[in-house]
Amino acid sequence: MAAVATFHLLRWRNNAAMINALAFDRLRYRRSAELLFVRVLGTGKGSSTAPGSEWGRTALFCLWQTESAADAFITAQQHRAGLRESWHVKLRGAGGHGAWRGVHVPRILQRDQSDSSGDADTPLAIITRADVRLRAWRTFSAAARVVDRELHASDGLVAVVAVGEAPILRLGTFSVWRNHDAMRNFATRRPDHGAVVQRTRAENWYGEEMFARFVPYWSTGTWDGRDPLRAT
């Protein structure tokens, strides 16, 4: 049985609770039963994917050996003290490439042969992340703002949040799309995005990167007052 991925977006009642989560969540969960991988993340401002930080909100990305372990973790997260809002989603791997701090997430989430990520009515979730080289940071930051404008003008984008293991250099995004075609149209037909992707290769901006596709098949809670999967 393939591993199960989960993503959690947590909004806190105050900054003290947020700081506690960022400082100690990795220690809290590293010995959780059947947990294969966890990343504790800060988030960007609102829905912007350009570099920046939003106080009062954190995120978690996890890989689990079994669905029952993922369910138990979600239940525990829903009842955490200090939360104002939370959204939780279970994800089935649907391909991709690259690694996250040496862990090949798309490879662990072996593609299910029954996956329907190419279907017109199937929502798709995407995680992109990269370790940006220090010498490329200024160029990357400027390019990210251009791509962010193009991203938000794309038909079929349902929700997006920037995430990061640090305020700079180790950044990524989590996005939900109406379907595979909507995501592909942005990835392949938006000129600014295409030009930036070419530059990342030609100028070797990243020390490590990952692009992973997922089929979100269950969710609970709200993200800015709604469940984005109910809107697809």
Protein backbone atom coordinates (compact mmCIF):
# COMPACT_ATOMS: atom_id res chain seq x y z
CA MET A 1 0.00 0.00 0.00
CA ALA A 2 1.33 3.44 -0.95
CA ALA A 3 2.04 6.02 1.73
CA VAL A 4 -0.49 8.75 2.51
CA ALA A 5 0.40 12.45 2.44
CA THR A 6 -1.34 15.11 4.50
CA PHE A 7 -1.19 18.90 4.42
CA HIS A 8 -2.38 21.08 7.30
CA LEU A 9 -2.91 24.84 7.34
CA LEU A 10 -3.18 26.23 10.88
CA ARG A 11 -4.21 29.73 11.90
CA TRP A 12 -3.40 30.66 15.49
CA ARG A 13 -5.16 32.96 17.94
CA ASN A 14 -1.92 34.79 18.73
CA ASN A 15 1.70 35.00 17.65
CA ALA A 16 2.94 33.20 20.77
CA ALA A 17 1.05 30.06 19.75
CA MET A 18 2.41 30.34 16.21
CA ILE A 19 6.01 30.71 17.43
CA ASN A 20 5.56 27.71 19.71
CA ALA A 21 4.38 25.63 16.75
CA LEU A 22 7.29 26.67 14.53
CA ALA A 23 9.83 26.07 17.29
CA PHE A 24 8.63 22.77 18.69
CA ASP A 25 6.31 20.93 16.30
CA ARG A 26 9.13 19.00 14.64
CA LEU A 27 10.28 17.76 18.04
CA ARG A 28 6.70 16.96 19.04
CA TYR A 29 5.99 14.79 16.03
CA ARG A 30 9.29 13.21 15.01
CA ARG A 31 8.48 10.04 17.00
CA SER A 32 4.83 9.81 15.96
CA ALA A 33 3.77 6.28 15.09
CA GLU A 34 4.04 5.51 11.38
CA LEU A 35 5.26 9.02 10.48
CA LEU A 36 7.68 8.79 7.56
CA PHE A 37 8.37 12.47 6.96
CA VAL A 38 7.30 15.84 8.39
CA ARG A 39 8.06 19.45 7.56
CA VAL A 40 7.00 22.33 9.79
CA LEU A 41 6.44 25.43 7.70
CA GLY A 42 5.83 29.12 7.94
CA THR A 43 3.54 30.71 5.37
CA GLY A 44 3.58 33.69 3.02
CA LYS A 45 1.31 36.71 3.16
CA GLY A 46 -2.26 35.90 2.19
CA SER A 47 -2.27 34.06 -1.12
CA SER A 48 0.93 35.68 -2.40
CA THR A 49 3.64 33.26 -3.50
CA ALA A 50 6.33 35.95 -3.52
CA PRO A 51 8.81 35.92 -0.60
CA GLY A 52 7.23 37.20 2.61
CA SER A 53 5.85 35.96 5.93
CA GLU A 54 2.44 36.01 7.58
CA TRP A 55 2.32 36.03 11.36
CA GLY A 56 -0.27 33.83 12.99
CA ARG A 57 -0.30 30.99 10.45
CA THR A 58 1.75 27.83 10.01
CA ALA A 59 1.57 24.67 7.91
CA LEU A 60 2.58 21.02 8.13
CA PHE A 61 3.31 18.48 5.41
CA CYS A 62 3.50 14.83 6.42
CA LEU A 63 3.91 11.35 4.95
CA TRP A 64 2.31 8.42 6.77
CA GLN A 65 2.68 4.68 6.46
CA THR A 66 -1.06 4.11 6.84
CA GLU A 67 -4.31 6.03 6.51
CA SER A 68 -5.28 5.26 10.10
CA ALA A 69 -2.13 7.02 11.34
CA ALA A 70 -2.96 10.03 9.16
CA ASP A 71 -6.52 10.10 10.52
CA ALA A 72 -5.33 10.01 14.12
CA PHE A 73 -2.94 12.89 13.47
CA ILE A 74 -5.64 14.99 11.81
CA THR A 75 -7.96 14.47 14.76
CA ALA A 76 -5.22 15.56 17.16
CA GLN A 77 -4.49 18.66 15.05
CA GLN A 78 -8.15 19.68 15.02
CA HIS A 79 -8.18 19.80 18.81
CA ARG A 80 -4.95 21.72 19.38
CA ALA A 81 -5.15 24.52 21.90
CA GLY A 82 -4.76 28.02 20.50
CA LEU A 83 -6.15 27.39 17.02
CA ARG A 84 -8.47 29.90 15.39
CA GLU A 85 -8.93 27.95 12.15
CA SER A 86 -7.52 24.85 10.51
CA TRP A 87 -7.75 22.98 7.23
CA HIS A 88 -6.57 19.41 6.68
CA VAL A 89 -6.36 17.39 3.49
CA LYS A 90 -5.35 13.84 2.60
CA LEU A 91 -3.42 13.46 -0.64
CA ARG A 92 -2.72 10.57 -3.00
CA GLY A 93 0.54 10.80 -4.93
CA ALA A 94 0.12 11.49 -8.65
CA GLY A 95 3.70 11.85 -9.85
CA GLY A 96 6.40 14.48 -9.94
CA HIS A 97 10.13 14.72 -9.50
CA GLY A 98 12.84 15.95 -7.17
CA ALA A 99 13.45 15.78 -3.44
CA TRP A 100 12.75 17.61 -0.20
CA ARG A 101 15.86 17.78 1.97
CA GLY A 102 17.07 14.56 0.39
CA VAL A 103 13.73 12.74 0.65
CA HIS A 104 12.22 11.78 -2.71
CA VAL A 105 8.58 12.42 -1.84
CA PRO A 106 7.09 11.62 -5.28
CA ARG A 107 8.98 8.31 -5.29
CA ILE A 108 7.68 7.35 -1.83
CA LEU A 109 4.15 8.18 -2.92
CA GLN A 110 4.20 5.62 -5.68
CA ARG A 111 1.66 6.50 -8.31
CA ASP A 112 -1.57 4.61 -7.95
CA GLN A 113 -2.45 2.98 -11.27
CA SER A 114 -6.09 3.94 -10.68
CA ASP A 115 -5.21 7.62 -10.21
CA SER A 116 -7.50 10.00 -12.08
CA SER A 117 -5.46 13.21 -11.87
CA GLY A 118 -5.91 13.80 -15.60
CA ASP A 119 -9.71 13.75 -15.42
CA ALA A 120 -11.57 16.96 -16.22
CA ASP A 121 -13.51 16.89 -12.94
CA THR A 122 -10.71 15.83 -10.57
CA PRO A 123 -9.07 18.55 -8.44
CA LEU A 124 -5.30 18.54 -8.30
CA ALA A 125 -2.94 19.74 -5.58
CA ILE A 126 0.64 20.78 -6.29
CA ILE A 127 3.63 21.26 -4.01
CA THR A 128 6.64 23.06 -5.40
CA ARG A 129 9.69 23.74 -3.24
CA ALA A 130 13.34 24.67 -3.67
CA ASP A 131 16.52 25.43 -1.81
CA VAL A 132 17.48 28.68 -3.51
CA ARG A 133 21.21 29.36 -3.78
CA LEU A 134 22.23 32.49 -1.89
CA ARG A 135 23.81 34.05 -5.00
CA ALA A 136 20.47 33.67 -6.84
CA TRP A 137 18.22 34.96 -4.06
CA ARG A 138 17.76 38.51 -5.32
CA THR A 139 17.05 37.36 -8.86
CA PHE A 140 14.70 34.65 -7.62
CA SER A 141 12.75 37.12 -5.46
CA ALA A 142 12.15 39.49 -8.35
CA ALA A 143 11.09 36.66 -10.66
CA ALA A 144 8.77 35.21 -8.03
CA ARG A 145 6.74 38.43 -7.92
CA VAL A 146 6.28 38.36 -11.69
CA VAL A 147 5.19 34.70 -11.64
CA ASP A 148 2.83 35.39 -8.73
CA ARG A 149 0.88 37.94 -10.78
CA GLU A 150 0.61 35.49 -13.66
CA LEU A 151 -0.43 32.68 -11.32
CA HIS A 152 -3.32 34.66 -9.83
CA ALA A 153 -4.55 35.55 -13.31
CA SER A 154 -4.74 31.86 -14.26
CA ASP A 155 -8.13 30.30 -14.80
CA GLY A 156 -8.65 27.22 -12.63
CA LEU A 157 -6.52 28.20 -9.63
CA VAL A 158 -8.68 27.48 -6.57
CA ALA A 159 -6.33 28.33 -3.68
CA VAL A 160 -2.63 28.83 -3.05
CA VAL A 161 -0.32 29.51 -0.14
CA ALA A 162 3.42 30.05 -0.01
CA VAL A 163 5.25 27.88 2.51
CA GLY A 164 8.80 27.78 3.74
CA GLU A 165 11.16 26.17 6.20
CA ALA A 166 12.80 29.56 6.58
CA PRO A 167 11.84 33.14 5.62
CA ILE A 168 14.36 33.00 2.78
CA LEU A 169 16.12 30.40 0.61
CA ARG A 170 13.97 27.34 1.54
CA LEU A 171 10.62 28.18 -0.01
CA GLY A 172 7.72 26.51 -1.75
CA THR A 173 4.01 26.64 -2.58
CA PHE A 174 0.94 24.51 -2.00
CA SER A 175 -1.82 25.06 -4.54
CA VAL A 176 -5.19 23.55 -5.41
CA TRP A 177 -6.37 23.52 -9.02
CA ARG A 178 -9.75 22.79 -10.54
CA ASN A 179 -8.20 19.99 -12.61
CA HIS A 180 -5.02 18.82 -14.33
CA ASP A 181 -5.65 20.85 -17.48
CA ALA A 182 -5.90 24.11 -15.52
CA MET A 183 -2.58 23.45 -13.81
CA ARG A 184 -0.93 22.40 -17.08
CA ASN A 185 -2.13 25.53 -18.87
CA PHE A 186 -0.41 27.69 -16.26
CA ALA A 187 2.75 25.57 -16.28
CA THR A 188 3.17 25.46 -20.05
CA ARG A 189 1.31 28.42 -21.57
CA ARG A 190 2.09 31.37 -19.31
CA PRO A 191 5.08 33.18 -20.87
CA ASP A 192 6.58 34.70 -17.73
CA HIS A 193 6.39 31.44 -15.84
CA GLY A 194 7.97 29.59 -18.75
CA ALA A 195 10.81 32.09 -19.01
CA VAL A 196 11.52 31.84 -15.27
CA VAL A 197 11.63 28.04 -15.40
CA GLN A 198 14.16 28.24 -18.21
CA ARG A 199 16.29 30.68 -16.20
CA THR A 200 16.28 28.44 -13.14
CA ARG A 201 17.89 25.71 -15.25
CA ALA A 202 20.27 27.88 -17.23
CA GLU A 203 21.50 29.85 -14.21
CA ASN A 204 21.35 26.98 -11.69
CA TRP A 205 19.31 28.86 -9.08
CA TYR A 206 18.49 25.83 -6.93
CA GLY A 207 20.56 23.48 -4.84
CA GLU A 208 17.58 21.13 -4.61
CA GLU A 209 14.02 21.26 -5.89
CA MET A 210 10.80 19.27 -5.99
CA PHE A 211 7.59 19.34 -8.01
CA ALA A 212 4.94 16.94 -6.75
CA ARG A 213 1.37 16.32 -7.92
CA PHE A 214 -1.37 14.97 -5.67
CA VAL A 215 -5.02 14.02 -5.88
CA PRO A 216 -6.76 15.48 -2.81
CA TYR A 217 -9.40 12.95 -1.85
CA TRP A 218 -10.59 14.04 1.61
CA SER A 219 -10.58 17.32 3.54
CA THR A 220 -11.99 18.93 6.64
CA GLY A 221 -12.01 22.38 8.18
CA THR A 222 -11.62 25.75 6.48
CA TRP A 223 -8.94 27.81 4.77
CA ASP A 224 -9.78 31.51 5.06
CA GLY A 225 -13.36 30.63 5.89
CA ARG A 226 -13.98 27.95 3.26
CA ASP A 227 -12.89 24.51 2.19
CA PRO A 228 -11.33 25.07 -1.27
CA LEU A 229 -12.16 21.52 -2.34
CA ARG A 230 -15.84 22.32 -1.96
CA ALA A 231 -15.38 25.14 -4.47
CA THR A 232 -13.92 23.03 -7.28
